[in-house]
Amino acid sequence: MRSDIAKLVICVAIDVIDFTVISWIPGAGLVIDLINTLVAVLLFGPIGLVALWEAANLAEPIDAFVPTMTLLAVTQLGKAKKKAGAPELPRG
């Protein structure tokens, strides 16, 4: 569980840096998006390739508004809880 929280913290930090600093550096967006995808694949496996959508969008300030890395971390955190056998809440 701690490793999942560490991954979430890393992803939030990457998204904050992407939104506040990187998105305003001309020409750095594509390179940073490819590096972010590599980090996502290292952290989450093949599902990390979802982060490639940011590289497809050349309007860097626009894609910085979507916290892709954080969303990936949160979805994988929920997946890990299900695998661990956490009880599900009754729906009703």
PDB file of N, CA and C in Angstrom:
ATOM      1  N   MET A   1       0.820  -1.197   0.000  1.00  0.00           N
ATOM      2  CA  MET A   1       0.000   0.000   0.000  1.00  0.00           C
ATOM      3  C   MET A   1       0.863   1.259   0.000  1.00  0.00           C
ATOM      4  N   ARG A   2       1.981   1.205   0.717  1.00  0.00           N
ATOM      5  CA  ARG A   2       2.839   2.384   0.756  1.00  0.00           C
ATOM      6  C   ARG A   2       3.412   2.707  -0.621  1.00  0.00           C
ATOM      7  N   SER A   3       3.716   1.662  -1.382  1.00  0.00           N
ATOM      8  CA  SER A   3       4.266   1.914  -2.712  1.00  0.00           C
ATOM      9  C   SER A   3       3.220   2.573  -3.608  1.00  0.00           C
ATOM     10  N   ASP A   4       1.943   2.229  -3.412  1.00  0.00           N
ATOM     11  CA  ASP A   4       0.884   2.874  -4.189  1.00  0.00           C
ATOM     12  C   ASP A   4       0.773   4.353  -3.834  1.00  0.00           C
ATOM     13  N   ILE A   5       0.895   4.669  -2.562  1.00  0.00           N
ATOM     14  CA  ILE A   5       0.845   6.066  -2.130  1.00  0.00           C
ATOM     15  C   ILE A   5       2.061   6.817  -2.667  1.00  0.00           C
ATOM     16  N   ALA A   6       3.215   6.177  -2.664  1.00  0.00           N
ATOM     17  CA  ALA A   6       4.426   6.805  -3.205  1.00  0.00           C
ATOM     18  C   ALA A   6       4.256   7.091  -4.694  1.00  0.00           C
ATOM     19  N   LYS A   7       3.659   6.148  -5.418  1.00  0.00           N
ATOM     20  CA  LYS A   7       3.405   6.363  -6.848  1.00  0.00           C
ATOM     21  C   LYS A   7       2.455   7.534  -7.051  1.00  0.00           C
ATOM     22  N   LEU A   8       1.431   7.624  -6.199  1.00  0.00           N
ATOM     23  CA  LEU A   8       0.478   8.729  -6.297  1.00  0.00           C
ATOM     24  C   LEU A   8       1.172  10.062  -6.051  1.00  0.00           C
ATOM     25  N   VAL A   9       2.027  10.126  -5.049  1.00  0.00           N
ATOM     26  CA  VAL A   9       2.752  11.364  -4.741  1.00  0.00           C
ATOM     27  C   VAL A   9       3.663  11.752  -5.905  1.00  0.00           C
ATOM     28  N   ILE A  10       4.356  10.784  -6.483  1.00  0.00           N
ATOM     29  CA  ILE A  10       5.222  11.052  -7.638  1.00  0.00           C
ATOM     30  C   ILE A  10       4.401  11.606  -8.796  1.00  0.00           C
ATOM     31  N   CYS A  11       3.261  10.990  -9.059  1.00  0.00           N
ATOM     32  CA  CYS A  11       2.425  11.411 -10.183  1.00  0.00           C
ATOM     33  C   CYS A  11       1.833  12.800  -9.972  1.00  0.00           C
ATOM     34  N   VAL A  12       1.409  13.092  -8.747  1.00  0.00           N
ATOM     35  CA  VAL A  12       0.883  14.430  -8.456  1.00  0.00           C
ATOM     36  C   VAL A  12       1.983  15.465  -8.656  1.00  0.00           C
ATOM     37  N   ALA A  13       3.190  15.168  -8.185  1.00  0.00           N
ATOM     38  CA  ALA A  13       4.307  16.102  -8.350  1.00  0.00           C
ATOM     39  C   ALA A  13       4.609  16.341  -9.828  1.00  0.00           C
ATOM     40  N   ILE A  14       4.605  15.280 -10.623  1.00  0.00           N
ATOM     41  CA  ILE A  14       4.859  15.423 -12.059  1.00  0.00           C
ATOM     42  C   ILE A  14       3.785  16.291 -12.708  1.00  0.00           C
ATOM     43  N   ASP A  15       2.523  16.063 -12.355  1.00  0.00           N
ATOM     44  CA  ASP A  15       1.440  16.855 -12.942  1.00  0.00           C
ATOM     45  C   ASP A  15       1.498  18.315 -12.511  1.00  0.00           C
ATOM     46  N   VAL A  16       1.847  18.571 -11.262  1.00  0.00           N
ATOM     47  CA  VAL A  16       1.958  19.958 -10.795  1.00  0.00           C
ATOM     48  C   VAL A  16       3.087  20.671 -11.534  1.00  0.00           C
ATOM     49  N   ILE A  17       4.218  20.008 -11.680  1.00  0.00           N
ATOM     50  CA  ILE A  17       5.342  20.611 -12.411  1.00  0.00           C
ATOM     51  C   ILE A  17       4.965  20.833 -13.873  1.00  0.00           C
ATOM     52  N   ASP A  18       4.283  19.866 -14.466  1.00  0.00           N
ATOM     53  CA  ASP A  18       3.845  19.998 -15.860  1.00  0.00           C
ATOM     54  C   ASP A  18       2.911  21.190 -16.015  1.00  0.00           C
ATOM     55  N   PHE A  19       2.003  21.357 -15.076  1.00  0.00           N
ATOM     56  CA  PHE A  19       1.019  22.437 -15.171  1.00  0.00           C
ATOM     57  C   PHE A  19       1.627  23.806 -14.895  1.00  0.00           C
ATOM     58  N   THR A  20       2.513  23.898 -13.912  1.00  0.00           N
ATOM     59  CA  THR A  20       3.005  25.209 -13.495  1.00  0.00           C
ATOM     60  C   THR A  20       4.240  25.692 -14.242  1.00  0.00           C
ATOM     61  N   VAL A  21       5.140  24.797 -14.592  1.00  0.00           N
ATOM     62  CA  VAL A  21       6.418  25.226 -15.167  1.00  0.00           C
ATOM     63  C   VAL A  21       6.574  24.801 -16.621  1.00  0.00           C
ATOM     64  N   ILE A  22       6.469  23.517 -16.865  1.00  0.00           N
ATOM     65  CA  ILE A  22       6.813  22.949 -18.165  1.00  0.00           C
ATOM     66  C   ILE A  22       5.903  23.447 -19.276  1.00  0.00           C
ATOM     67  N   SER A  23       4.625  23.621 -18.983  1.00  0.00           N
ATOM     68  CA  SER A  23       3.685  23.984 -20.049  1.00  0.00           C
ATOM     69  C   SER A  23       3.985  25.352 -20.653  1.00  0.00           C
ATOM     70  N   TRP A  24       4.766  26.147 -19.972  1.00  0.00           N
ATOM     71  CA  TRP A  24       5.047  27.487 -20.491  1.00  0.00           C
ATOM     72  C   TRP A  24       6.421  27.601 -21.149  1.00  0.00           C
ATOM     73  N   ILE A  25       7.180  26.511 -21.207  1.00  0.00           N
ATOM     74  CA  ILE A  25       8.484  26.526 -21.870  1.00  0.00           C
ATOM     75  C   ILE A  25       8.278  26.098 -23.320  1.00  0.00           C
ATOM     76  N   PRO A  26       8.491  27.007 -24.266  1.00  0.00           N
ATOM     77  CA  PRO A  26       8.262  26.661 -25.670  1.00  0.00           C
ATOM     78  C   PRO A  26       9.170  25.517 -26.126  1.00  0.00           C
ATOM     79  N   GLY A  27       8.572  24.544 -26.787  1.00  0.00           N
ATOM     80  CA  GLY A  27       9.323  23.439 -27.354  1.00  0.00           C
ATOM     81  C   GLY A  27       9.630  22.292 -26.407  1.00  0.00           C
ATOM     82  N   ALA A  28       9.433  22.485 -25.124  1.00  0.00           N
ATOM     83  CA  ALA A  28       9.758  21.429 -24.156  1.00  0.00           C
ATOM     84  C   ALA A  28       8.606  20.454 -23.966  1.00  0.00           C
ATOM     85  N   GLY A  29       7.428  20.837 -24.362  1.00  0.00           N
ATOM     86  CA  GLY A  29       6.235  20.039 -24.096  1.00  0.00           C
ATOM     87  C   GLY A  29       6.292  18.622 -24.612  1.00  0.00           C
ATOM     88  N   LEU A  30       6.648  18.441 -25.868  1.00  0.00           N
ATOM     89  CA  LEU A  30       6.660  17.106 -26.464  1.00  0.00           C
ATOM     90  C   LEU A  30       7.680  16.202 -25.784  1.00  0.00           C
ATOM     91  N   VAL A  31       8.857  16.734 -25.533  1.00  0.00           N
ATOM     92  CA  VAL A  31       9.905  15.942 -24.885  1.00  0.00           C
ATOM     93  C   VAL A  31       9.466  15.531 -23.480  1.00  0.00           C
ATOM     94  N   ILE A  32       8.917  16.466 -22.735  1.00  0.00           N
ATOM     95  CA  ILE A  32       8.467  16.178 -21.370  1.00  0.00           C
ATOM     96  C   ILE A  32       7.317  15.181 -21.377  1.00  0.00           C
ATOM     97  N   ASP A  33       6.401  15.302 -22.341  1.00  0.00           N
ATOM     98  CA  ASP A  33       5.290  14.349 -22.432  1.00  0.00           C
ATOM     99  C   ASP A  33       5.792  12.936 -22.710  1.00  0.00           C
ATOM    100  N   LEU A  34       6.815  12.806 -23.528  1.00  0.00           N
ATOM    101  CA  LEU A  34       7.394  11.486 -23.794  1.00  0.00           C
ATOM    102  C   LEU A  34       8.099  10.929 -22.553  1.00  0.00           C
ATOM    103  N   ILE A  35       8.772  11.799 -21.816  1.00  0.00           N
ATOM    104  CA  ILE A  35       9.410  11.370 -20.565  1.00  0.00           C
ATOM    105  C   ILE A  35       8.345  10.961 -19.548  1.00  0.00           C
ATOM    106  N   ASN A  36       7.264  11.732 -19.472  1.00  0.00           N
ATOM    107  CA  ASN A  36       6.165  11.379 -18.564  1.00  0.00           C
ATOM    108  C   ASN A  36       5.578  10.017 -18.921  1.00  0.00           C
ATOM    109  N   THR A  37       5.456   9.737 -20.210  1.00  0.00           N
ATOM    110  CA  THR A  37       4.938   8.436 -20.642  1.00  0.00           C
ATOM    111  C   THR A  37       5.879   7.317 -20.212  1.00  0.00           C
ATOM    112  N   LEU A  38       7.171   7.537 -20.363  1.00  0.00           N
ATOM    113  CA  LEU A  38       8.152   6.543 -19.926  1.00  0.00           C
ATOM    114  C   LEU A  38       8.034   6.284 -18.421  1.00  0.00           C
ATOM    115  N   VAL A  39       7.903   7.349 -17.647  1.00  0.00           N
ATOM    116  CA  VAL A  39       7.742   7.204 -16.195  1.00  0.00           C
ATOM    117  C   VAL A  39       6.452   6.447 -15.880  1.00  0.00           C
ATOM    118  N   ALA A  40       5.369   6.767 -16.592  1.00  0.00           N
ATOM    119  CA  ALA A  40       4.090   6.087 -16.363  1.00  0.00           C
ATOM    120  C   ALA A  40       4.198   4.593 -16.660  1.00  0.00           C
ATOM    121  N   VAL A  41       4.891   4.246 -17.727  1.00  0.00           N
ATOM    122  CA  VAL A  41       5.066   2.825 -18.064  1.00  0.00           C
ATOM    123  C   VAL A  41       5.926   2.132 -17.006  1.00  0.00           C
ATOM    124  N   LEU A  42       6.948   2.806 -16.522  1.00  0.00           N
ATOM    125  CA  LEU A  42       7.786   2.216 -15.471  1.00  0.00           C
ATOM    126  C   LEU A  42       6.998   2.010 -14.174  1.00  0.00           C
ATOM    127  N   LEU A  43       6.106   2.952 -13.862  1.00  0.00           N
ATOM    128  CA  LEU A  43       5.331   2.847 -12.625  1.00  0.00           C
ATOM    129  C   LEU A  43       4.169   1.863 -12.722  1.00  0.00           C
ATOM    130  N   PHE A  44       3.477   1.850 -13.875  1.00  0.00           N
ATOM    131  CA  PHE A  44       2.210   1.125 -13.967  1.00  0.00           C
ATOM    132  C   PHE A  44       2.176   0.032 -15.022  1.00  0.00           C
ATOM    133  N   GLY A  45       3.242  -0.129 -15.778  1.00  0.00           N
ATOM    134  CA  GLY A  45       3.242  -1.134 -16.831  1.00  0.00           C
ATOM    135  C   GLY A  45       2.587  -0.598 -18.098  1.00  0.00           C
ATOM    136  N   PRO A  46       2.092  -1.485 -18.947  1.00  0.00           N
ATOM    137  CA  PRO A  46       1.546  -1.075 -20.249  1.00  0.00           C
ATOM    138  C   PRO A  46       0.396  -0.070 -20.172  1.00  0.00           C
ATOM    139  N   ILE A  47      -0.354  -0.066 -19.076  1.00  0.00           N
ATOM    140  CA  ILE A  47      -1.453   0.901 -18.952  1.00  0.00           C
ATOM    141  C   ILE A  47      -0.911   2.337 -18.937  1.00  0.00           C
ATOM    142  N   GLY A  48       0.365   2.505 -18.615  1.00  0.00           N
ATOM    143  CA  GLY A  48       0.990   3.823 -18.615  1.00  0.00           C
ATOM    144  C   GLY A  48       1.068   4.459 -19.991  1.00  0.00           C
ATOM    145  N   LEU A  49       0.891   3.648 -21.039  1.00  0.00           N
ATOM    146  CA  LEU A  49       0.903   4.196 -22.405  1.00  0.00           C
ATOM    147  C   LEU A  49      -0.260   5.152 -22.652  1.00  0.00           C
ATOM    148  N   VAL A  50      -1.236   5.141 -21.766  1.00  0.00           N
ATOM    149  CA  VAL A  50      -2.350   6.091 -21.870  1.00  0.00           C
ATOM    150  C   VAL A  50      -1.816   7.524 -21.839  1.00  0.00           C
ATOM    151  N   ALA A  51      -0.713   7.740 -21.158  1.00  0.00           N
ATOM    152  CA  ALA A  51      -0.128   9.077 -21.049  1.00  0.00           C
ATOM    153  C   ALA A  51       0.370   9.611 -22.392  1.00  0.00           C
ATOM    154  N   LEU A  52       0.448   8.756 -23.402  1.00  0.00           N
ATOM    155  CA  LEU A  52       0.891   9.211 -24.732  1.00  0.00           C
ATOM    156  C   LEU A  52      -0.075  10.202 -25.369  1.00  0.00           C
ATOM    157  N   TRP A  53      -1.320  10.235 -24.898  1.00  0.00           N
ATOM    158  CA  TRP A  53      -2.277  11.160 -25.511  1.00  0.00           C
ATOM    159  C   TRP A  53      -1.788  12.602 -25.368  1.00  0.00           C
ATOM    160  N   GLU A  54      -1.050  12.893 -24.304  1.00  0.00           N
ATOM    161  CA  GLU A  54      -0.549  14.254 -24.115  1.00  0.00           C
ATOM    162  C   GLU A  54       0.459  14.628 -25.199  1.00  0.00           C
ATOM    163  N   ALA A  55       1.232  13.671 -25.680  1.00  0.00           N
ATOM    164  CA  ALA A  55       2.202  13.949 -26.739  1.00  0.00           C
ATOM    165  C   ALA A  55       1.500  14.214 -28.064  1.00  0.00           C
ATOM    166  N   ALA A  56       0.307  13.654 -28.239  1.00  0.00           N
ATOM    167  CA  ALA A  56      -0.433  13.858 -29.484  1.00  0.00           C
ATOM    168  C   ALA A  56      -1.005  15.267 -29.576  1.00  0.00           C
ATOM    169  N   ASN A  57      -1.202  15.901 -28.446  1.00  0.00           N
ATOM    170  CA  ASN A  57      -1.755  17.250 -28.407  1.00  0.00           C
ATOM    171  C   ASN A  57      -0.596  18.244 -28.369  1.00  0.00           C
ATOM    172  N   LEU A  58      -0.429  18.998 -29.418  1.00  0.00           N
ATOM    173  CA  LEU A  58       0.704  19.919 -29.493  1.00  0.00           C
ATOM    174  C   LEU A  58       0.450  21.243 -28.783  1.00  0.00           C
ATOM    175  N   ALA A  59      -0.768  21.474 -28.320  1.00  0.00           N
ATOM    176  CA  ALA A  59      -1.078  22.691 -27.570  1.00  0.00           C
ATOM    177  C   ALA A  59      -0.775  22.415 -26.094  1.00  0.00           C
ATOM    178  N   GLU A  60       0.464  22.537 -25.717  1.00  0.00           N
ATOM    179  CA  GLU A  60       0.924  22.125 -24.386  1.00  0.00           C
ATOM    180  C   GLU A  60       0.141  22.751 -23.226  1.00  0.00           C
ATOM    181  N   PRO A  61      -0.152  24.037 -23.233  1.00  0.00           N
ATOM    182  CA  PRO A  61      -0.906  24.570 -22.085  1.00  0.00           C
ATOM    183  C   PRO A  61      -2.286  23.935 -21.927  1.00  0.00           C
ATOM    184  N   ILE A  62      -2.841  23.411 -23.012  1.00  0.00           N
ATOM    185  CA  ILE A  62      -4.161  22.786 -22.929  1.00  0.00           C
ATOM    186  C   ILE A  62      -4.062  21.427 -22.244  1.00  0.00           C
ATOM    187  N   ASP A  63      -3.138  20.573 -22.674  1.00  0.00           N
ATOM    188  CA  ASP A  63      -3.081  19.230 -22.086  1.00  0.00           C
ATOM    189  C   ASP A  63      -2.555  19.247 -20.653  1.00  0.00           C
ATOM    190  N   ALA A  64      -1.921  20.325 -20.242  1.00  0.00           N
ATOM    191  CA  ALA A  64      -1.442  20.410 -18.860  1.00  0.00           C
ATOM    192  C   ALA A  64      -2.598  20.516 -17.867  1.00  0.00           C
ATOM    193  N   PHE A  65      -3.779  20.912 -18.336  1.00  0.00           N
ATOM    194  CA  PHE A  65      -4.937  21.022 -17.447  1.00  0.00           C
ATOM    195  C   PHE A  65      -5.491  19.661 -17.042  1.00  0.00           C
ATOM    196  N   VAL A  66      -5.147  18.614 -17.776  1.00  0.00           N
ATOM    197  CA  VAL A  66      -5.627  17.265 -17.448  1.00  0.00           C
ATOM    198  C   VAL A  66      -4.509  16.525 -16.711  1.00  0.00           C
ATOM    199  N   PRO A  67      -4.714  16.193 -15.451  1.00  0.00           N
ATOM    200  CA  PRO A  67      -3.663  15.525 -14.670  1.00  0.00           C
ATOM    201  C   PRO A  67      -3.588  14.028 -14.982  1.00  0.00           C
ATOM    202  N   THR A  68      -3.084  13.700 -16.151  1.00  0.00           N
ATOM    203  CA  THR A  68      -3.073  12.315 -16.626  1.00  0.00           C
ATOM    204  C   THR A  68      -2.350  11.373 -15.669  1.00  0.00           C
ATOM    205  N   MET A  69      -1.188  11.757 -15.209  1.00  0.00           N
ATOM    206  CA  MET A  69      -0.419  10.884 -14.323  1.00  0.00           C
ATOM    207  C   MET A  69      -1.171  10.628 -13.014  1.00  0.00           C
ATOM    208  N   THR A  70      -1.777  11.669 -12.467  1.00  0.00           N
ATOM    209  CA  THR A  70      -2.540  11.514 -11.228  1.00  0.00           C
ATOM    210  C   THR A  70      -3.744  10.614 -11.443  1.00  0.00           C
ATOM    211  N   LEU A  71      -4.424  10.789 -12.563  1.00  0.00           N
ATOM    212  CA  LEU A  71      -5.578   9.938 -12.859  1.00  0.00           C
ATOM    213  C   LEU A  71      -5.159   8.474 -12.990  1.00  0.00           C
ATOM    214  N   LEU A  72      -4.039   8.233 -13.631  1.00  0.00           N
ATOM    215  CA  LEU A  72      -3.522   6.861 -13.732  1.00  0.00           C
ATOM    216  C   LEU A  72      -3.231   6.283 -12.345  1.00  0.00           C
ATOM    217  N   ALA A  73      -2.594   7.070 -11.502  1.00  0.00           N
ATOM    218  CA  ALA A  73      -2.247   6.590 -10.161  1.00  0.00           C
ATOM    219  C   ALA A  73      -3.494   6.274  -9.345  1.00  0.00           C
ATOM    220  N   VAL A  74      -4.500   7.130  -9.437  1.00  0.00           N
ATOM    221  CA  VAL A  74      -5.730   6.905  -8.673  1.00  0.00           C
ATOM    222  C   VAL A  74      -6.454   5.656  -9.167  1.00  0.00           C
ATOM    223  N   THR A  75      -6.502   5.458 -10.482  1.00  0.00           N
ATOM    224  CA  THR A  75      -7.178   4.261 -10.995  1.00  0.00           C
ATOM    225  C   THR A  75      -6.436   2.995 -10.589  1.00  0.00           C
ATOM    226  N   GLN A  76      -5.124   3.053 -10.577  1.00  0.00           N
ATOM    227  CA  GLN A  76      -4.352   1.876 -10.185  1.00  0.00           C
ATOM    228  C   GLN A  76      -4.427   1.639  -8.675  1.00  0.00           C
ATOM    229  N   LEU A  77      -4.591   2.704  -7.905  1.00  0.00           N
ATOM    230  CA  LEU A  77      -4.756   2.573  -6.462  1.00  0.00           C
ATOM    231  C   LEU A  77      -6.049   1.828  -6.152  1.00  0.00           C
ATOM    232  N   GLY A  78      -7.114   2.175  -6.855  1.00  0.00           N
ATOM    233  CA  GLY A  78      -8.382   1.479  -6.683  1.00  0.00           C
ATOM    234  C   GLY A  78      -8.295   0.026  -7.107  1.00  0.00           C
ATOM    235  N   LYS A  79      -7.550  -0.226  -8.159  1.00  0.00           N
ATOM    236  CA  LYS A  79      -7.374  -1.590  -8.660  1.00  0.00           C
ATOM    237  C   LYS A  79      -6.612  -2.438  -7.637  1.00  0.00           C
ATOM    238  N   ALA A  80      -5.611  -1.843  -7.008  1.00  0.00           N
ATOM    239  CA  ALA A  80      -4.819  -2.560  -6.008  1.00  0.00           C
ATOM    240  C   ALA A  80      -5.669  -2.907  -4.786  1.00  0.00           C
ATOM    241  N   LYS A  81      -6.582  -2.017  -4.419  1.00  0.00           N
ATOM    242  CA  LYS A  81      -7.460  -2.290  -3.280  1.00  0.00           C
ATOM    243  C   LYS A  81      -8.358  -3.483  -3.566  1.00  0.00           C
ATOM    244  N   LYS A  82      -8.867  -3.563  -4.795  1.00  0.00           N
ATOM    245  CA  LYS A  82      -9.733  -4.682  -5.156  1.00  0.00           C
ATOM    246  C   LYS A  82      -8.962  -5.998  -5.115  1.00  0.00           C
ATOM    247  N   LYS A  83      -7.721  -5.978  -5.587  1.00  0.00           N
ATOM    248  CA  LYS A  83      -6.905  -7.193  -5.574  1.00  0.00           C
ATOM    249  C   LYS A  83      -6.586  -7.629  -4.145  1.00  0.00           C
ATOM    250  N   ALA A  84      -6.465  -6.666  -3.240  1.00  0.00           N
ATOM    251  CA  ALA A  84      -6.132  -6.980  -1.855  1.00  0.00           C
ATOM    252  C   ALA A  84      -7.327  -7.556  -1.102  1.00  0.00           C
ATOM    253  N   GLY A  85      -8.482  -7.529  -1.720  1.00  0.00           N
ATOM    254  CA  GLY A  85      -9.660  -8.103  -1.086  1.00  0.00           C
ATOM    255  C   GLY A  85     -10.369  -7.149  -0.153  1.00  0.00           C
ATOM    256  N   ALA A  86     -10.262  -5.867  -0.399  1.00  0.00           N
ATOM    257  CA  ALA A  86     -10.966  -4.892   0.426  1.00  0.00           C
ATOM    258  C   ALA A  86     -12.466  -5.089   0.258  1.00  0.00           C
ATOM    259  N   PRO A  87     -13.206  -5.039   1.349  1.00  0.00           N
ATOM    260  CA  PRO A  87     -14.653  -5.247   1.237  1.00  0.00           C
ATOM    261  C   PRO A  87     -15.312  -4.119   0.459  1.00  0.00           C
ATOM    262  N   GLU A  88     -16.244  -4.488  -0.378  1.00  0.00           N
ATOM    263  CA  GLU A  88     -16.968  -3.488  -1.154  1.00  0.00           C
ATOM    264  C   GLU A  88     -18.148  -2.985  -0.347  1.00  0.00           C
ATOM    265  N   LEU A  89     -18.474  -1.731  -0.531  1.00  0.00           N
ATOM    266  CA  LEU A  89     -19.618  -1.144   0.149  1.00  0.00           C
ATOM    267  C   LEU A  89     -20.902  -1.626  -0.504  1.00  0.00           C
ATOM    268  N   PRO A  90     -21.917  -1.863   0.291  1.00  0.00           N
ATOM    269  CA  PRO A  90     -23.193  -2.273  -0.305  1.00  0.00           C
ATOM    270  C   PRO A  90     -23.797  -1.136  -1.104  1.00  0.00           C
ATOM    271  N   ARG A  91     -24.359  -1.480  -2.217  1.00  0.00           N
ATOM    272  CA  ARG A  91     -24.987  -0.465  -3.073  1.00  0.00           C
ATOM    273  C   ARG A  91     -26.489  -0.557  -2.886  1.00  0.00           C
ATOM    274  N   GLY A  92     -27.076   0.585  -2.796  1.00  0.00           N
ATOM    275  CA  GLY A  92     -28.508   0.499  -2.594  1.00  0.00           C
ATOM    276  C   GLY A  92     -29.203   1.754  -2.670  1.00  0.00           C
TER     277      GLY A  92
END
